[in-house]
Amino acid sequence: GIVGERTLPLFGGDEALAARTYMIVFPLLGGAAFAAFQ
């Protein structure tokens, strides 16, 4: 969350791919943390 758009070069500058990837990564990380906490 802090790094944010500084990771855009990892996606070859494709903002749509970066947005879609982060749209998946954030819920997966949050949900996995919540599941591991249960």
PDB file of all heavy atoms in Angstrom:
ATOM      1  N   GLY A   1       0.808  -1.208   0.000  1.00  0.00           N
ATOM      2  CA  GLY A   1       0.000   0.000   0.000  1.00  0.00           C
ATOM      3  C   GLY A   1       0.844   1.263   0.000  1.00  0.00           C
ATOM      4  O   GLY A   1       0.497   2.265  -0.633  1.00  0.00           O
ATOM      5  N   ILE A   2       1.967   1.220   0.703  1.00  0.00           N
ATOM      6  CA  ILE A   2       2.855   2.380   0.747  1.00  0.00           C
ATOM      7  C   ILE A   2       3.604   2.545  -0.568  1.00  0.00           C
ATOM      8  O   ILE A   2       3.727   3.647  -1.103  1.00  0.00           O
ATOM      9  CB  ILE A   2       3.843   2.252   1.932  1.00  0.00           C
ATOM     10  CG1 ILE A   2       3.076   2.378   3.255  1.00  0.00           C
ATOM     11  CG2 ILE A   2       4.940   3.292   1.847  1.00  0.00           C
ATOM     12  CD1 ILE A   2       3.902   2.041   4.475  1.00  0.00           C
ATOM     13  N   VAL A   3       4.100   1.444  -1.113  1.00  0.00           N
ATOM     14  CA  VAL A   3       4.887   1.494  -2.349  1.00  0.00           C
ATOM     15  C   VAL A   3       4.021   1.961  -3.513  1.00  0.00           C
ATOM     16  O   VAL A   3       4.433   2.787  -4.316  1.00  0.00           O
ATOM     17  CB  VAL A   3       5.530   0.118  -2.639  1.00  0.00           C
ATOM     18  CG1 VAL A   3       6.177   0.101  -3.995  1.00  0.00           C
ATOM     19  CG2 VAL A   3       6.538  -0.222  -1.566  1.00  0.00           C
ATOM     20  N   GLY A   4       2.824   1.418  -3.601  1.00  0.00           N
ATOM     21  CA  GLY A   4       1.846   1.868  -4.585  1.00  0.00           C
ATOM     22  C   GLY A   4       2.322   1.837  -6.019  1.00  0.00           C
ATOM     23  O   GLY A   4       2.705   0.804  -6.538  1.00  0.00           O
ATOM     24  N   GLU A   5       2.297   2.991  -6.663  1.00  0.00           N
ATOM     25  CA  GLU A   5       2.566   3.061  -8.101  1.00  0.00           C
ATOM     26  C   GLU A   5       4.041   2.962  -8.451  1.00  0.00           C
ATOM     27  O   GLU A   5       4.391   2.933  -9.620  1.00  0.00           O
ATOM     28  CB  GLU A   5       1.980   4.342  -8.667  1.00  0.00           C
ATOM     29  CG  GLU A   5       0.477   4.343  -8.600  1.00  0.00           C
ATOM     30  CD  GLU A   5      -0.138   5.237  -9.650  1.00  0.00           C
ATOM     31  OE1 GLU A   5       0.590   5.722 -10.520  1.00  0.00           O
ATOM     32  OE2 GLU A   5      -1.351   5.415  -9.587  1.00  0.00           O
ATOM     33  N   ARG A   6       4.888   2.878  -7.457  1.00  0.00           N
ATOM     34  CA  ARG A   6       6.319   2.707  -7.754  1.00  0.00           C
ATOM     35  C   ARG A   6       6.599   1.322  -8.323  1.00  0.00           C
ATOM     36  O   ARG A   6       7.681   1.078  -8.839  1.00  0.00           O
ATOM     37  CB  ARG A   6       7.140   2.935  -6.488  1.00  0.00           C
ATOM     38  CG  ARG A   6       7.087   4.367  -6.014  1.00  0.00           C
ATOM     39  CD  ARG A   6       8.009   4.607  -4.839  1.00  0.00           C
ATOM     40  NE  ARG A   6       7.660   5.859  -4.215  1.00  0.00           N
ATOM     41  CZ  ARG A   6       7.155   5.981  -3.002  1.00  0.00           C
ATOM     42  NH1 ARG A   6       6.967   4.912  -2.263  1.00  0.00           N
ATOM     43  NH2 ARG A   6       6.862   7.153  -2.514  1.00  0.00           N
ATOM     44  N   THR A   7       5.637   0.429  -8.227  1.00  0.00           N
ATOM     45  CA  THR A   7       5.809  -0.925  -8.775  1.00  0.00           C
ATOM     46  C   THR A   7       5.338  -1.014 -10.225  1.00  0.00           C
ATOM     47  O   THR A   7       5.398  -2.093 -10.813  1.00  0.00           O
ATOM     48  CB  THR A   7       5.026  -1.943  -7.936  1.00  0.00           C
ATOM     49  OG1 THR A   7       3.647  -1.606  -7.961  1.00  0.00           O
ATOM     50  CG2 THR A   7       5.530  -1.991  -6.516  1.00  0.00           C
ATOM     51  N   LEU A   8       4.895   0.070 -10.792  1.00  0.00           N
ATOM     52  CA  LEU A   8       4.394   0.072 -12.169  1.00  0.00           C
ATOM     53  C   LEU A   8       5.410  -0.452 -13.189  1.00  0.00           C
ATOM     54  O   LEU A   8       5.018  -1.171 -14.112  1.00  0.00           O
ATOM     55  CB  LEU A   8       3.904   1.463 -12.549  1.00  0.00           C
ATOM     56  CG  LEU A   8       3.012   1.580 -13.769  1.00  0.00           C
ATOM     57  CD1 LEU A   8       1.802   0.675 -13.639  1.00  0.00           C
ATOM     58  CD2 LEU A   8       2.582   3.006 -13.972  1.00  0.00           C
ATOM     59  N   PRO A   9       6.702  -0.167 -13.046  1.00  0.00           N
ATOM     60  CA  PRO A   9       7.664  -0.741 -14.011  1.00  0.00           C
ATOM     61  C   PRO A   9       7.690  -2.277 -14.003  1.00  0.00           C
ATOM     62  O   PRO A   9       8.065  -2.887 -15.006  1.00  0.00           O
ATOM     63  CB  PRO A   9       9.018  -0.174 -13.561  1.00  0.00           C
ATOM     64  CG  PRO A   9       8.684   1.084 -12.858  1.00  0.00           C
ATOM     65  CD  PRO A   9       7.353   0.837 -12.205  1.00  0.00           C
ATOM     66  N   LEU A  10       7.303  -2.904 -12.911  1.00  0.00           N
ATOM     67  CA  LEU A  10       7.247  -4.361 -12.872  1.00  0.00           C
ATOM     68  C   LEU A  10       6.220  -4.908 -13.866  1.00  0.00           C
ATOM     69  O   LEU A  10       6.314  -6.060 -14.289  1.00  0.00           O
ATOM     70  CB  LEU A  10       6.899  -4.859 -11.471  1.00  0.00           C
ATOM     71  CG  LEU A  10       7.931  -4.586 -10.379  1.00  0.00           C
ATOM     72  CD1 LEU A  10       7.378  -5.007  -9.030  1.00  0.00           C
ATOM     73  CD2 LEU A  10       9.215  -5.307 -10.679  1.00  0.00           C
ATOM     74  N   PHE A  11       5.255  -4.090 -14.211  1.00  0.00           N
ATOM     75  CA  PHE A  11       4.200  -4.508 -15.136  1.00  0.00           C
ATOM     76  C   PHE A  11       4.418  -3.932 -16.535  1.00  0.00           C
ATOM     77  O   PHE A  11       3.496  -3.916 -17.348  1.00  0.00           O
ATOM     78  CB  PHE A  11       2.831  -4.064 -14.604  1.00  0.00           C
ATOM     79  CG  PHE A  11       2.503  -4.659 -13.279  1.00  0.00           C
ATOM     80  CD1 PHE A  11       2.694  -3.959 -12.108  1.00  0.00           C
ATOM     81  CD2 PHE A  11       2.003  -5.954 -13.199  1.00  0.00           C
ATOM     82  CE1 PHE A  11       2.398  -4.518 -10.885  1.00  0.00           C
ATOM     83  CE2 PHE A  11       1.707  -6.525 -11.979  1.00  0.00           C
ATOM     84  CZ  PHE A  11       1.904  -5.808 -10.809  1.00  0.00           C
ATOM     85  N   GLY A  12       5.615  -3.467 -16.804  1.00  0.00           N
ATOM     86  CA  GLY A  12       5.932  -2.917 -18.121  1.00  0.00           C
ATOM     87  C   GLY A  12       5.200  -1.615 -18.398  1.00  0.00           C
ATOM     88  O   GLY A  12       4.978  -1.265 -19.551  1.00  0.00           O
ATOM     89  N   GLY A  13       4.798  -0.916 -17.365  1.00  0.00           N
ATOM     90  CA  GLY A  13       4.083   0.345 -17.529  1.00  0.00           C
ATOM     91  C   GLY A  13       2.603   0.189 -17.822  1.00  0.00           C
ATOM     92  O   GLY A  13       1.906   1.186 -18.004  1.00  0.00           O
ATOM     93  N   ASP A  14       2.113  -1.011 -17.863  1.00  0.00           N
ATOM     94  CA  ASP A  14       0.696  -1.268 -18.158  1.00  0.00           C
ATOM     95  C   ASP A  14      -0.130  -1.030 -16.897  1.00  0.00           C
ATOM     96  O   ASP A  14      -0.173  -1.851 -15.991  1.00  0.00           O
ATOM     97  CB  ASP A  14       0.526  -2.707 -18.643  1.00  0.00           C
ATOM     98  CG  ASP A  14      -0.883  -2.979 -19.140  1.00  0.00           C
ATOM     99  OD1 ASP A  14      -1.726  -2.056 -19.117  1.00  0.00           O
ATOM    100  OD2 ASP A  14      -1.131  -4.130 -19.560  1.00  0.00           O
ATOM    101  N   GLU A  15      -0.779   0.120 -16.848  1.00  0.00           N
ATOM    102  CA  GLU A  15      -1.552   0.491 -15.662  1.00  0.00           C
ATOM    103  C   GLU A  15      -2.770  -0.414 -15.454  1.00  0.00           C
ATOM    104  O   GLU A  15      -3.136  -0.715 -14.320  1.00  0.00           O
ATOM    105  CB  GLU A  15      -2.006   1.946 -15.754  1.00  0.00           C
ATOM    106  CG  GLU A  15      -0.880   2.929 -15.611  1.00  0.00           C
ATOM    107  CD  GLU A  15      -1.381   4.357 -15.647  1.00  0.00           C
ATOM    108  OE1 GLU A  15      -2.601   4.585 -15.531  1.00  0.00           O
ATOM    109  OE2 GLU A  15      -0.537   5.251 -15.789  1.00  0.00           O
ATOM    110  N   ALA A  16      -3.388  -0.845 -16.528  1.00  0.00           N
ATOM    111  CA  ALA A  16      -4.569  -1.704 -16.405  1.00  0.00           C
ATOM    112  C   ALA A  16      -4.195  -3.052 -15.789  1.00  0.00           C
ATOM    113  O   ALA A  16      -4.900  -3.563 -14.918  1.00  0.00           O
ATOM    114  CB  ALA A  16      -5.215  -1.911 -17.766  1.00  0.00           C
ATOM    115  N   LEU A  17      -3.062  -3.614 -16.224  1.00  0.00           N
ATOM    116  CA  LEU A  17      -2.611  -4.886 -15.663  1.00  0.00           C
ATOM    117  C   LEU A  17      -2.223  -4.725 -14.195  1.00  0.00           C
ATOM    118  O   LEU A  17      -2.554  -5.571 -13.360  1.00  0.00           O
ATOM    119  CB  LEU A  17      -1.431  -5.435 -16.461  1.00  0.00           C
ATOM    120  CG  LEU A  17      -0.823  -6.743 -15.942  1.00  0.00           C
ATOM    121  CD1 LEU A  17      -1.865  -7.872 -15.996  1.00  0.00           C
ATOM    122  CD2 LEU A  17       0.409  -7.103 -16.735  1.00  0.00           C
ATOM    123  N   ALA A  18      -1.548  -3.629 -13.881  1.00  0.00           N
ATOM    124  CA  ALA A  18      -1.161  -3.371 -12.488  1.00  0.00           C
ATOM    125  C   ALA A  18      -2.402  -3.210 -11.613  1.00  0.00           C
ATOM    126  O   ALA A  18      -2.469  -3.771 -10.513  1.00  0.00           O
ATOM    127  CB  ALA A  18      -0.282  -2.140 -12.403  1.00  0.00           C
ATOM    128  N   ALA A  19      -3.383  -2.465 -12.096  1.00  0.00           N
ATOM    129  CA  ALA A  19      -4.602  -2.257 -11.314  1.00  0.00           C
ATOM    130  C   ALA A  19      -5.352  -3.572 -11.106  1.00  0.00           C
ATOM    131  O   ALA A  19      -5.820  -3.859 -10.002  1.00  0.00           O
ATOM    132  CB  ALA A  19      -5.501  -1.244 -12.017  1.00  0.00           C
ATOM    133  N   ARG A  20      -5.426  -4.353 -12.150  1.00  0.00           N
ATOM    134  CA  ARG A  20      -6.137  -5.634 -12.041  1.00  0.00           C
ATOM    135  C   ARG A  20      -5.398  -6.596 -11.108  1.00  0.00           C
ATOM    136  O   ARG A  20      -6.021  -7.308 -10.317  1.00  0.00           O
ATOM    137  CB  ARG A  20      -6.271  -6.244 -13.431  1.00  0.00           C
ATOM    138  CG  ARG A  20      -7.225  -7.376 -13.493  1.00  0.00           C
ATOM    139  CD  ARG A  20      -7.493  -7.727 -14.931  1.00  0.00           C
ATOM    140  NE  ARG A  20      -8.413  -8.854 -14.972  1.00  0.00           N
ATOM    141  CZ  ARG A  20      -8.663  -9.542 -16.034  1.00  0.00           C
ATOM    142  NH1 ARG A  20      -8.084  -9.228 -17.171  1.00  0.00           N
ATOM    143  NH2 ARG A  20      -9.493 -10.541 -16.005  1.00  0.00           N
ATOM    144  N   THR A  21      -4.072  -6.592 -11.185  1.00  0.00           N
ATOM    145  CA  THR A  21      -3.281  -7.458 -10.314  1.00  0.00           C
ATOM    146  C   THR A  21      -3.436  -7.045  -8.855  1.00  0.00           C
ATOM    147  O   THR A  21      -3.651  -7.891  -7.985  1.00  0.00           O
ATOM    148  CB  THR A  21      -1.796  -7.421 -10.726  1.00  0.00           C
ATOM    149  OG1 THR A  21      -1.693  -7.841 -12.079  1.00  0.00           O
ATOM    150  CG2 THR A  21      -0.972  -8.320  -9.844  1.00  0.00           C
ATOM    151  N   TYR A  22      -3.338  -5.757  -8.579  1.00  0.00           N
ATOM    152  CA  TYR A  22      -3.497  -5.303  -7.207  1.00  0.00           C
ATOM    153  C   TYR A  22      -4.919  -5.476  -6.705  1.00  0.00           C
ATOM    154  O   TYR A  22      -5.147  -5.642  -5.508  1.00  0.00           O
ATOM    155  CB  TYR A  22      -3.026  -3.860  -7.040  1.00  0.00           C
ATOM    156  CG  TYR A  22      -1.531  -3.763  -6.921  1.00  0.00           C
ATOM    157  CD1 TYR A  22      -0.786  -2.949  -7.758  1.00  0.00           C
ATOM    158  CD2 TYR A  22      -0.855  -4.512  -5.975  1.00  0.00           C
ATOM    159  CE1 TYR A  22       0.576  -2.867  -7.655  1.00  0.00           C
ATOM    160  CE2 TYR A  22       0.511  -4.454  -5.859  1.00  0.00           C
ATOM    161  CZ  TYR A  22       1.220  -3.629  -6.701  1.00  0.00           C
ATOM    162  OH  TYR A  22       2.580  -3.557  -6.586  1.00  0.00           O
ATOM    163  N   MET A  23      -5.877  -5.442  -7.631  1.00  0.00           N
ATOM    164  CA  MET A  23      -7.264  -5.680  -7.252  1.00  0.00           C
ATOM    165  C   MET A  23      -7.426  -7.117  -6.736  1.00  0.00           C
ATOM    166  O   MET A  23      -8.323  -7.401  -5.952  1.00  0.00           O
ATOM    167  CB  MET A  23      -8.175  -5.439  -8.460  1.00  0.00           C
ATOM    168  CG  MET A  23      -9.638  -5.511  -8.149  1.00  0.00           C
ATOM    169  SD  MET A  23     -10.675  -4.993  -9.538  1.00  0.00           S
ATOM    170  CE  MET A  23     -10.185  -6.096 -10.835  1.00  0.00           C
ATOM    171  N   ILE A  24      -6.549  -8.017  -7.151  1.00  0.00           N
ATOM    172  CA  ILE A  24      -6.566  -9.403  -6.692  1.00  0.00           C
ATOM    173  C   ILE A  24      -5.639  -9.601  -5.502  1.00  0.00           C
ATOM    174  O   ILE A  24      -5.976 -10.303  -4.544  1.00  0.00           O
ATOM    175  CB  ILE A  24      -6.151 -10.347  -7.841  1.00  0.00           C
ATOM    176  CG1 ILE A  24      -7.064 -10.167  -9.032  1.00  0.00           C
ATOM    177  CG2 ILE A  24      -6.134 -11.792  -7.390  1.00  0.00           C
ATOM    178  CD1 ILE A  24      -8.521 -10.313  -8.743  1.00  0.00           C
ATOM    179  N   VAL A  25      -4.469  -8.986  -5.542  1.00  0.00           N
ATOM    180  CA  VAL A  25      -3.453  -9.208  -4.506  1.00  0.00           C
ATOM    181  C   VAL A  25      -3.915  -8.695  -3.142  1.00  0.00           C
ATOM    182  O   VAL A  25      -3.735  -9.380  -2.126  1.00  0.00           O
ATOM    183  CB  VAL A  25      -2.111  -8.569  -4.921  1.00  0.00           C
ATOM    184  CG1 VAL A  25      -1.136  -8.513  -3.765  1.00  0.00           C
ATOM    185  CG2 VAL A  25      -1.512  -9.344  -6.077  1.00  0.00           C
ATOM    186  N   PHE A  26      -4.506  -7.518  -3.104  1.00  0.00           N
ATOM    187  CA  PHE A  26      -4.908  -6.959  -1.816  1.00  0.00           C
ATOM    188  C   PHE A  26      -5.969  -7.809  -1.110  1.00  0.00           C
ATOM    189  O   PHE A  26      -5.814  -8.120   0.071  1.00  0.00           O
ATOM    190  CB  PHE A  26      -5.370  -5.506  -1.970  1.00  0.00           C
ATOM    191  CG  PHE A  26      -4.234  -4.536  -1.978  1.00  0.00           C
ATOM    192  CD1 PHE A  26      -3.677  -4.115  -3.163  1.00  0.00           C
ATOM    193  CD2 PHE A  26      -3.710  -4.067  -0.796  1.00  0.00           C
ATOM    194  CE1 PHE A  26      -2.618  -3.232  -3.178  1.00  0.00           C
ATOM    195  CE2 PHE A  26      -2.656  -3.184  -0.778  1.00  0.00           C
ATOM    196  CZ  PHE A  26      -2.101  -2.764  -1.980  1.00  0.00           C
ATOM    197  N   PRO A  27      -7.038  -8.227  -1.782  1.00  0.00           N
ATOM    198  CA  PRO A  27      -7.991  -9.106  -1.091  1.00  0.00           C
ATOM    199  C   PRO A  27      -7.387 -10.455  -0.713  1.00  0.00           C
ATOM    200  O   PRO A  27      -7.709 -11.003   0.348  1.00  0.00           O
ATOM    201  CB  PRO A  27      -9.130  -9.294  -2.096  1.00  0.00           C
ATOM    202  CG  PRO A  27      -9.030  -8.164  -3.022  1.00  0.00           C
ATOM    203  CD  PRO A  27      -7.584  -7.793  -3.069  1.00  0.00           C
ATOM    204  N   LEU A  28      -6.513 -11.002  -1.562  1.00  0.00           N
ATOM    205  CA  LEU A  28      -5.906 -12.290  -1.227  1.00  0.00           C
ATOM    206  C   LEU A  28      -5.014 -12.178   0.005  1.00  0.00           C
ATOM    207  O   LEU A  28      -5.066 -13.033   0.894  1.00  0.00           O
ATOM    208  CB  LEU A  28      -5.106 -12.832  -2.409  1.00  0.00           C
ATOM    209  CG  LEU A  28      -5.915 -13.478  -3.523  1.00  0.00           C
ATOM    210  CD1 LEU A  28      -5.004 -13.889  -4.667  1.00  0.00           C
ATOM    211  CD2 LEU A  28      -6.687 -14.677  -3.013  1.00  0.00           C
ATOM    212  N   LEU A  29      -4.205 -11.139   0.073  1.00  0.00           N
ATOM    213  CA  LEU A  29      -3.339 -10.972   1.243  1.00  0.00           C
ATOM    214  C   LEU A  29      -4.157 -10.690   2.503  1.00  0.00           C
ATOM    215  O   LEU A  29      -3.899 -11.260   3.563  1.00  0.00           O
ATOM    216  CB  LEU A  29      -2.330  -9.844   1.010  1.00  0.00           C
ATOM    217  CG  LEU A  29      -1.176 -10.144   0.074  1.00  0.00           C
ATOM    218  CD1 LEU A  29      -0.355  -8.886  -0.175  1.00  0.00           C
ATOM    219  CD2 LEU A  29      -0.302 -11.237   0.640  1.00  0.00           C
ATOM    220  N   GLY A  30      -5.147  -9.809   2.384  1.00  0.00           N
ATOM    221  CA  GLY A  30      -5.988  -9.503   3.542  1.00  0.00           C
ATOM    222  C   GLY A  30      -6.789 -10.705   4.002  1.00  0.00           C
ATOM    223  O   GLY A  30      -6.891 -10.978   5.200  1.00  0.00           O
ATOM    224  N   GLY A  31      -7.359 -11.433   3.060  1.00  0.00           N
ATOM    225  CA  GLY A  31      -8.139 -12.616   3.415  1.00  0.00           C
ATOM    226  C   GLY A  31      -7.282 -13.723   3.989  1.00  0.00           C
ATOM    227  O   GLY A  31      -7.687 -14.424   4.923  1.00  0.00           O
ATOM    228  N   ALA A  32      -6.078 -13.896   3.450  1.00  0.00           N
ATOM    229  CA  ALA A  32      -5.173 -14.913   3.995  1.00  0.00           C
ATOM    230  C   ALA A  32      -4.735 -14.545   5.405  1.00  0.00           C
ATOM    231  O   ALA A  32      -4.644 -15.417   6.280  1.00  0.00           O
ATOM    232  CB  ALA A  32      -3.966 -15.080   3.076  1.00  0.00           C
ATOM    233  N   ALA A  33      -4.477 -13.260   5.643  1.00  0.00           N
ATOM    234  CA  ALA A  33      -4.120 -12.826   6.996  1.00  0.00           C
ATOM    235  C   ALA A  33      -5.294 -13.051   7.952  1.00  0.00           C
ATOM    236  O   ALA A  33      -5.116 -13.515   9.085  1.00  0.00           O
ATOM    237  CB  ALA A  33      -3.712 -11.354   6.993  1.00  0.00           C
ATOM    238  N   PHE A  34      -6.500 -12.747   7.505  1.00  0.00           N
ATOM    239  CA  PHE A  34      -7.684 -12.953   8.335  1.00  0.00           C
ATOM    240  C   PHE A  34      -7.887 -14.438   8.614  1.00  0.00           C
ATOM    241  O   PHE A  34      -8.207 -14.828   9.743  1.00  0.00           O
ATOM    242  CB  PHE A  34      -8.915 -12.363   7.640  1.00  0.00           C
ATOM    243  CG  PHE A  34     -10.172 -12.482   8.432  1.00  0.00           C
ATOM    244  CD1 PHE A  34     -10.371 -11.714   9.563  1.00  0.00           C
ATOM    245  CD2 PHE A  34     -11.169 -13.355   8.046  1.00  0.00           C
ATOM    246  CE1 PHE A  34     -11.533 -11.822  10.300  1.00  0.00           C
ATOM    247  CE2 PHE A  34     -12.335 -13.478   8.777  1.00  0.00           C
ATOM    248  CZ  PHE A  34     -12.522 -12.710   9.909  1.00  0.00           C
ATOM    249  N   ALA A  35      -7.693 -15.278   7.607  1.00  0.00           N
ATOM    250  CA  ALA A  35      -7.850 -16.724   7.793  1.00  0.00           C
ATOM    251  C   ALA A  35      -6.791 -17.272   8.746  1.00  0.00           C
ATOM    252  O   ALA A  35      -7.089 -18.118   9.591  1.00  0.00           O
ATOM    253  CB  ALA A  35      -7.778 -17.439   6.445  1.00  0.00           C
ATOM    254  N   ALA A  36      -5.561 -16.798   8.618  1.00  0.00           N
ATOM    255  CA  ALA A  36      -4.495 -17.279   9.495  1.00  0.00           C
ATOM    256  C   ALA A  36      -4.693 -16.823  10.935  1.00  0.00           C
ATOM    257  O   ALA A  36      -4.206 -17.461  11.867  1.00  0.00           O
ATOM    258  CB  ALA A  36      -3.140 -16.807   8.976  1.00  0.00           C
ATOM    259  N   PHE A  37      -5.423 -15.742  11.131  1.00  0.00           N
ATOM    260  CA  PHE A  37      -5.697 -15.206  12.470  1.00  0.00           C
ATOM    261  C   PHE A  37      -6.794 -15.984  13.195  1.00  0.00           C
ATOM    262  O   PHE A  37      -6.837 -16.006  14.423  1.00  0.00           O
ATOM    263  CB  PHE A  37      -6.093 -13.730  12.323  1.00  0.00           C
ATOM    264  CG  PHE A  37      -6.546 -13.073  13.583  1.00  0.00           C
ATOM    265  CD1 PHE A  37      -5.627 -12.741  14.563  1.00  0.00           C
ATOM    266  CD2 PHE A  37      -7.876 -12.778  13.792  1.00  0.00           C
ATOM    267  CE1 PHE A  37      -6.040 -12.129  15.733  1.00  0.00           C
ATOM    268  CE2 PHE A  37      -8.300 -12.167  14.949  1.00  0.00           C
ATOM    269  CZ  PHE A  37      -7.374 -11.833  15.927  1.00  0.00           C
ATOM    270  N   GLN A  38      -7.675 -16.635  12.467  1.00  0.00           N
ATOM    271  CA  GLN A  38      -8.853 -17.282  13.049  1.00  0.00           C
ATOM    272  C   GLN A  38      -8.553 -18.328  14.129  1.00  0.00           C
ATOM    273  O   GLN A  38      -9.192 -18.300  15.180  1.00  0.00           O
ATOM    274  CB  GLN A  38      -9.721 -17.900  11.952  1.00  0.00           C
ATOM    275  CG  GLN A  38     -10.393 -16.896  11.068  1.00  0.00           C
ATOM    276  CD  GLN A  38     -11.307 -15.982  11.848  1.00  0.00           C
ATOM    277  OE1 GLN A  38     -12.149 -16.428  12.606  1.00  0.00           O
ATOM    278  NE2 GLN A  38     -11.120 -14.694  11.677  1.00  0.00           N
TER     279      GLN A  38
END
